[in-house]
Amino acid sequence: MDWIQLLLLVELAYNNSLSLITGVFLFYANKGYYPRLQLQVNYSPVVKEMDMFVVNLEKVHLELKRSIEEA
């Protein structure tokens, strides 16, 4: 990985952090919206319990999303 790619990641991390002075995320202050950071990791579960943990966590995320939408 070269420096340009690393600097872009550093900039994203910095701008996606909460400013202690303003109490606002820097990216939001500059752009007016929050960045959509979605990572998709392809994996093949080695342990069945890990696979079930991921499935259960996805269910929790869906429930939380529905609750937020209802609120």
N, C-alpha and C. Protein backbone atom coordinates (compact mmCIF):
# COMPACT_ATOMS: atom_id res chain seq x y z
N MET A 1 0.86 -1.18 0.00
CA MET A 1 0.00 0.00 0.00
C MET A 1 0.90 1.23 0.00
N ASP A 2 0.58 2.18 -0.83
CA ASP A 2 1.44 3.36 -0.89
C ASP A 2 0.89 4.48 0.00
N TRP A 3 1.66 5.53 0.14
CA TRP A 3 1.34 6.63 1.05
C TRP A 3 0.05 7.35 0.68
N ILE A 4 -0.22 7.49 -0.60
CA ILE A 4 -1.42 8.20 -1.00
C ILE A 4 -2.66 7.49 -0.48
N GLN A 5 -2.70 6.18 -0.61
CA GLN A 5 -3.84 5.42 -0.10
C GLN A 5 -3.93 5.54 1.42
N LEU A 6 -2.79 5.48 2.09
CA LEU A 6 -2.79 5.59 3.55
C LEU A 6 -3.24 6.98 3.99
N LEU A 7 -2.81 8.01 3.30
CA LEU A 7 -3.22 9.36 3.66
C LEU A 7 -4.72 9.55 3.48
N LEU A 8 -5.29 8.96 2.46
CA LEU A 8 -6.73 9.05 2.26
C LEU A 8 -7.48 8.37 3.41
N LEU A 9 -6.97 7.24 3.88
CA LEU A 9 -7.59 6.57 5.02
C LEU A 9 -7.46 7.39 6.30
N VAL A 10 -6.30 8.01 6.48
CA VAL A 10 -6.09 8.86 7.65
C VAL A 10 -7.04 10.05 7.60
N GLU A 11 -7.18 10.67 6.44
CA GLU A 11 -8.08 11.81 6.29
C GLU A 11 -9.52 11.40 6.60
N LEU A 12 -9.95 10.26 6.08
CA LEU A 12 -11.30 9.78 6.34
C LEU A 12 -11.50 9.53 7.83
N ALA A 13 -10.54 8.88 8.47
CA ALA A 13 -10.65 8.60 9.90
C ALA A 13 -10.72 9.89 10.71
N TYR A 14 -9.89 10.84 10.36
CA TYR A 14 -9.87 12.12 11.08
C TYR A 14 -11.18 12.87 10.89
N ASN A 15 -11.64 12.96 9.66
CA ASN A 15 -12.87 13.69 9.38
C ASN A 15 -14.12 12.98 9.88
N ASN A 16 -14.02 11.71 10.18
CA ASN A 16 -15.15 10.95 10.70
C ASN A 16 -15.06 10.81 12.22
N SER A 17 -14.32 11.72 12.85
CA SER A 17 -14.21 11.71 14.31
C SER A 17 -14.94 12.91 14.88
N LEU A 18 -15.36 12.78 16.11
CA LEU A 18 -16.13 13.83 16.79
C LEU A 18 -15.21 14.93 17.25
N SER A 19 -15.55 16.17 16.91
CA SER A 19 -14.78 17.32 17.36
C SER A 19 -15.15 17.62 18.81
N LEU A 20 -14.17 17.69 19.68
CA LEU A 20 -14.43 17.99 21.08
C LEU A 20 -14.89 19.43 21.26
N ILE A 21 -14.49 20.31 20.38
CA ILE A 21 -14.85 21.72 20.49
C ILE A 21 -16.30 21.96 20.08
N THR A 22 -16.70 21.43 18.93
CA THR A 22 -18.05 21.69 18.42
C THR A 22 -19.04 20.60 18.78
N GLY A 23 -18.55 19.39 19.08
CA GLY A 23 -19.44 18.27 19.36
C GLY A 23 -20.09 17.70 18.11
N VAL A 24 -19.51 18.02 16.95
CA VAL A 24 -20.04 17.56 15.66
C VAL A 24 -18.94 16.79 14.94
N PHE A 25 -19.36 15.78 14.19
CA PHE A 25 -18.39 15.06 13.37
C PHE A 25 -17.89 15.99 12.27
N LEU A 26 -16.60 16.00 12.04
CA LEU A 26 -16.00 16.93 11.09
C LEU A 26 -16.53 16.74 9.67
N PHE A 27 -16.71 15.51 9.25
CA PHE A 27 -17.24 15.25 7.92
C PHE A 27 -18.62 15.88 7.78
N TYR A 28 -19.46 15.72 8.81
CA TYR A 28 -20.80 16.29 8.77
C TYR A 28 -20.75 17.81 8.72
N ALA A 29 -19.83 18.40 9.47
CA ALA A 29 -19.70 19.86 9.47
C ALA A 29 -19.30 20.37 8.08
N ASN A 30 -18.49 19.63 7.37
CA ASN A 30 -18.02 20.05 6.05
C ASN A 30 -19.01 19.73 4.93
N LYS A 31 -19.65 18.58 5.00
CA LYS A 31 -20.47 18.11 3.88
C LYS A 31 -21.97 18.17 4.15
N GLY A 32 -22.37 18.19 5.43
CA GLY A 32 -23.79 18.21 5.76
C GLY A 32 -24.43 16.84 5.81
N TYR A 33 -23.65 15.79 5.70
CA TYR A 33 -24.15 14.43 5.82
C TYR A 33 -23.03 13.53 6.33
N TYR A 34 -23.40 12.35 6.79
CA TYR A 34 -22.42 11.40 7.29
C TYR A 34 -22.01 10.45 6.16
N PRO A 35 -20.76 10.07 6.09
CA PRO A 35 -20.35 9.15 5.04
C PRO A 35 -20.94 7.77 5.28
N ARG A 36 -21.25 7.09 4.20
CA ARG A 36 -21.73 5.71 4.30
C ARG A 36 -20.54 4.79 4.18
N LEU A 37 -20.19 4.20 5.28
CA LEU A 37 -19.04 3.31 5.31
C LEU A 37 -19.55 1.89 5.44
N GLN A 38 -19.52 1.18 4.36
CA GLN A 38 -19.97 -0.19 4.36
C GLN A 38 -18.83 -1.09 3.89
N LEU A 39 -18.48 -2.00 4.74
CA LEU A 39 -17.45 -2.96 4.39
C LEU A 39 -18.10 -4.31 4.19
N GLN A 40 -17.72 -4.98 3.17
CA GLN A 40 -18.22 -6.32 2.95
C GLN A 40 -17.02 -7.26 2.95
N VAL A 41 -17.02 -8.12 3.91
CA VAL A 41 -15.91 -9.06 4.05
C VAL A 41 -16.41 -10.44 3.67
N ASN A 42 -15.74 -11.03 2.75
CA ASN A 42 -16.07 -12.41 2.37
C ASN A 42 -15.26 -13.34 3.26
N TYR A 43 -15.96 -14.22 3.90
CA TYR A 43 -15.29 -15.16 4.79
C TYR A 43 -15.97 -16.51 4.69
N SER A 44 -15.26 -17.50 5.04
CA SER A 44 -15.86 -18.82 5.16
C SER A 44 -15.67 -19.25 6.61
N PRO A 45 -16.77 -19.41 7.33
CA PRO A 45 -16.65 -19.69 8.76
C PRO A 45 -15.95 -21.01 9.02
N VAL A 46 -15.01 -20.94 9.92
CA VAL A 46 -14.26 -22.14 10.30
C VAL A 46 -14.99 -22.84 11.43
N VAL A 47 -15.61 -22.05 12.26
CA VAL A 47 -16.31 -22.60 13.42
C VAL A 47 -17.80 -22.31 13.28
N LYS A 48 -18.63 -23.33 13.45
CA LYS A 48 -20.06 -23.15 13.27
C LYS A 48 -20.63 -22.12 14.25
N GLU A 49 -20.10 -22.06 15.47
CA GLU A 49 -20.57 -21.09 16.45
C GLU A 49 -20.35 -19.66 15.95
N MET A 50 -19.24 -19.46 15.27
CA MET A 50 -18.96 -18.12 14.74
C MET A 50 -19.99 -17.75 13.69
N ASP A 51 -20.35 -18.69 12.85
CA ASP A 51 -21.35 -18.44 11.82
C ASP A 51 -22.69 -18.08 12.46
N MET A 52 -23.08 -18.80 13.50
CA MET A 52 -24.34 -18.51 14.20
C MET A 52 -24.28 -17.14 14.88
N PHE A 53 -23.13 -16.78 15.42
CA PHE A 53 -22.97 -15.47 16.04
C PHE A 53 -23.21 -14.36 15.03
N VAL A 54 -22.66 -14.52 13.83
CA VAL A 54 -22.83 -13.53 12.77
C VAL A 54 -24.30 -13.45 12.37
N VAL A 55 -24.96 -14.57 12.22
CA VAL A 55 -26.38 -14.58 11.84
C VAL A 55 -27.20 -13.88 12.92
N ASN A 56 -26.94 -14.17 14.18
CA ASN A 56 -27.68 -13.54 15.27
C ASN A 56 -27.41 -12.04 15.32
N LEU A 57 -26.18 -11.64 15.08
CA LEU A 57 -25.84 -10.22 15.09
C LEU A 57 -26.56 -9.49 13.95
N GLU A 58 -26.67 -10.12 12.80
CA GLU A 58 -27.40 -9.52 11.69
C GLU A 58 -28.88 -9.35 12.04
N LYS A 59 -29.45 -10.30 12.77
CA LYS A 59 -30.84 -10.19 13.21
C LYS A 59 -31.00 -9.00 14.16
N VAL A 60 -30.07 -8.84 15.08
CA VAL A 60 -30.11 -7.71 16.01
C VAL A 60 -30.04 -6.39 15.24
N HIS A 61 -29.16 -6.32 14.25
CA HIS A 61 -29.04 -5.10 13.45
C HIS A 61 -30.34 -4.79 12.73
N LEU A 62 -31.00 -5.80 12.18
CA LEU A 62 -32.27 -5.59 11.50
C LEU A 62 -33.34 -5.09 12.47
N GLU A 63 -33.40 -5.68 13.67
CA GLU A 63 -34.36 -5.24 14.68
C GLU A 63 -34.10 -3.79 15.08
N LEU A 64 -32.84 -3.44 15.28
CA LEU A 64 -32.50 -2.08 15.65
C LEU A 64 -32.86 -1.10 14.54
N LYS A 65 -32.62 -1.49 13.31
CA LYS A 65 -32.96 -0.64 12.17
C LYS A 65 -34.45 -0.38 12.13
N ARG A 66 -35.25 -1.44 12.33
CA ARG A 66 -36.71 -1.28 12.35
C ARG A 66 -37.15 -0.37 13.49
N SER A 67 -36.54 -0.52 14.65
CA SER A 67 -36.90 0.32 15.79
C SER A 67 -36.58 1.78 15.52
N ILE A 68 -35.44 2.03 14.90
CA ILE A 68 -35.06 3.41 14.58
C ILE A 68 -36.03 3.99 13.57
N GLU A 69 -36.41 3.21 12.56
CA GLU A 69 -37.36 3.69 11.55
C GLU A 69 -38.71 4.00 12.17
N GLU A 70 -39.15 3.18 13.13
CA GLU A 70 -40.44 3.42 13.79
C GLU A 70 -40.39 4.68 14.66
N ALA A 71 -39.25 4.91 15.28
CA ALA A 71 -39.11 6.09 16.15
C ALA A 71 -39.10 7.34 15.30
